[in-house]
Amino acid sequence: MPKMMSDLLHPTPEEERRRHKKKRLVQCPNSYFMDVKCPGCYKITTVFSHAQTVVLCVGCSTVLCQPTGGKARLTEGSFTRTHNIWVMSLTL
C-alpha cells in the first residue's frame, strides 16, 4: 500500500498543533499567562499556565490554582482570560 503524500510546507492546523513545540514550522512555547479573577473578591491576578506553586489571591488569600505537574489546575469559580503573546495563528 502506498503512503499518502503529505505537504510538509503546508501542514493542517491539527497536525501542527500535535507536533512538539521545537519541531513546528514556527517554534513557539505551549505555555501562556492568564488573568484569573478571584470568585470571592473579584481581583485579577496574572498567573503562568504551568505554575509550579500554589497561587493565592492578593486580596482574600483564596487559592486560585494548584500545580499538577503540567498545566496548573484552576479552582472552580475562577474566571480566566489568556495572554497568548506567542500564539501561532494558523489561517488557511
Protein backbone atom coordinates (compact mmCIF):
# COMPACT_ATOMS: atom_id res chain seq x y z
CA MET A 1 0.00 0.00 0.00
CA PRO A 2 1.43 3.40 -0.93
CA LYS A 3 1.64 6.01 1.81
CA MET A 4 -0.42 9.16 1.48
CA MET A 5 1.58 12.12 0.30
CA SER A 6 1.60 14.95 2.83
CA ASP A 7 2.56 18.52 2.15
CA LEU A 8 5.45 19.36 4.52
CA LEU A 9 5.33 23.09 3.84
CA HIS A 10 1.58 23.43 4.38
CA PRO A 11 0.52 21.14 7.25
CA THR A 12 -3.04 21.22 8.52
CA PRO A 13 -3.63 23.15 11.77
CA GLU A 14 -4.41 19.88 13.55
CA GLU A 15 -1.08 18.32 12.51
CA GLU A 16 0.79 21.45 13.54
CA ARG A 17 -0.89 21.54 16.96
CA ARG A 18 0.08 17.91 17.70
CA ARG A 19 3.76 18.38 16.88
CA HIS A 20 6.42 19.00 19.51
CA LYS A 21 6.99 22.70 20.15
CA LYS A 22 10.53 22.55 18.71
CA LYS A 23 9.53 20.66 15.55
CA ARG A 24 6.80 23.02 14.35
CA LEU A 25 7.32 25.23 11.30
CA VAL A 26 7.30 28.25 13.63
CA GLN A 27 8.67 27.35 17.06
CA CYS A 28 6.55 28.63 19.92
CA PRO A 29 6.07 27.56 23.55
CA ASN A 30 2.98 25.76 24.83
CA SER A 31 2.73 27.97 27.92
CA TYR A 32 1.00 31.32 28.37
CA PHE A 33 -0.06 33.84 31.01
CA MET A 34 -3.65 34.09 32.25
CA ASP A 35 -5.62 36.76 34.06
CA VAL A 36 -7.52 34.90 36.79
CA LYS A 37 -10.40 36.67 38.51
CA CYS A 38 -10.96 35.63 42.13
CA PRO A 39 -14.52 34.35 42.74
CA GLY A 40 -14.58 35.95 46.21
CA CYS A 41 -13.22 39.49 45.88
CA TYR A 42 -13.12 39.80 42.03
CA LYS A 43 -9.48 40.95 41.99
CA ILE A 44 -7.48 39.97 38.90
CA THR A 45 -4.16 38.14 39.27
CA THR A 46 -1.81 37.21 36.40
CA VAL A 47 -0.88 33.52 36.60
CA PHE A 48 1.50 31.40 34.50
CA SER A 49 -0.27 28.45 32.84
CA HIS A 50 2.33 25.95 34.06
CA ALA A 51 2.72 27.40 37.58
CA GLN A 52 4.68 25.10 39.91
CA THR A 53 3.45 26.62 43.18
CA VAL A 54 0.03 27.31 44.65
CA VAL A 55 -1.14 30.79 43.60
CA LEU A 56 -3.14 32.75 46.18
CA CYS A 57 -5.38 35.77 45.67
CA VAL A 58 -3.75 39.03 46.75
CA GLY A 59 -6.94 40.37 48.33
CA CYS A 60 -8.52 37.45 50.18
CA SER A 61 -5.82 34.69 50.12
CA THR A 62 -8.10 32.24 48.29
CA VAL A 63 -6.31 29.50 46.31
CA LEU A 64 -6.62 30.39 42.60
CA CYS A 65 -4.70 27.48 41.06
CA GLN A 66 -2.78 24.38 42.10
CA PRO A 67 0.16 22.72 40.32
CA THR A 68 -0.43 19.33 38.68
CA GLY A 69 2.96 18.54 37.17
CA GLY A 70 1.96 20.11 33.85
CA LYS A 71 -0.59 22.84 33.47
CA ALA A 72 -1.90 24.38 36.67
CA ARG A 73 -5.44 23.41 37.67
CA LEU A 74 -7.73 26.38 38.30
CA THR A 75 -10.14 26.29 41.23
CA GLU A 76 -13.83 26.14 40.47
CA GLY A 77 -15.48 29.51 40.08
CA SER A 78 -12.37 31.34 38.80
CA PHE A 79 -12.71 33.19 35.52
CA THR A 80 -9.76 33.36 33.11
CA ARG A 81 -8.59 35.36 30.14
CA THR A 82 -5.40 34.28 28.38
CA HIS A 83 -2.47 36.45 27.30
CA ASN A 84 -1.22 34.50 24.31
CA ILE A 85 1.83 36.52 23.40
CA TRP A 86 3.38 33.73 21.35
CA VAL A 87 0.19 32.33 19.83
CA MET A 88 0.73 30.91 16.42
CA SER A 89 -2.17 31.94 14.22
CA LEU A 90 -2.72 29.38 11.52
CA THR A 91 -5.04 30.79 8.94
CA LEU A 92 -5.84 28.93 5.78
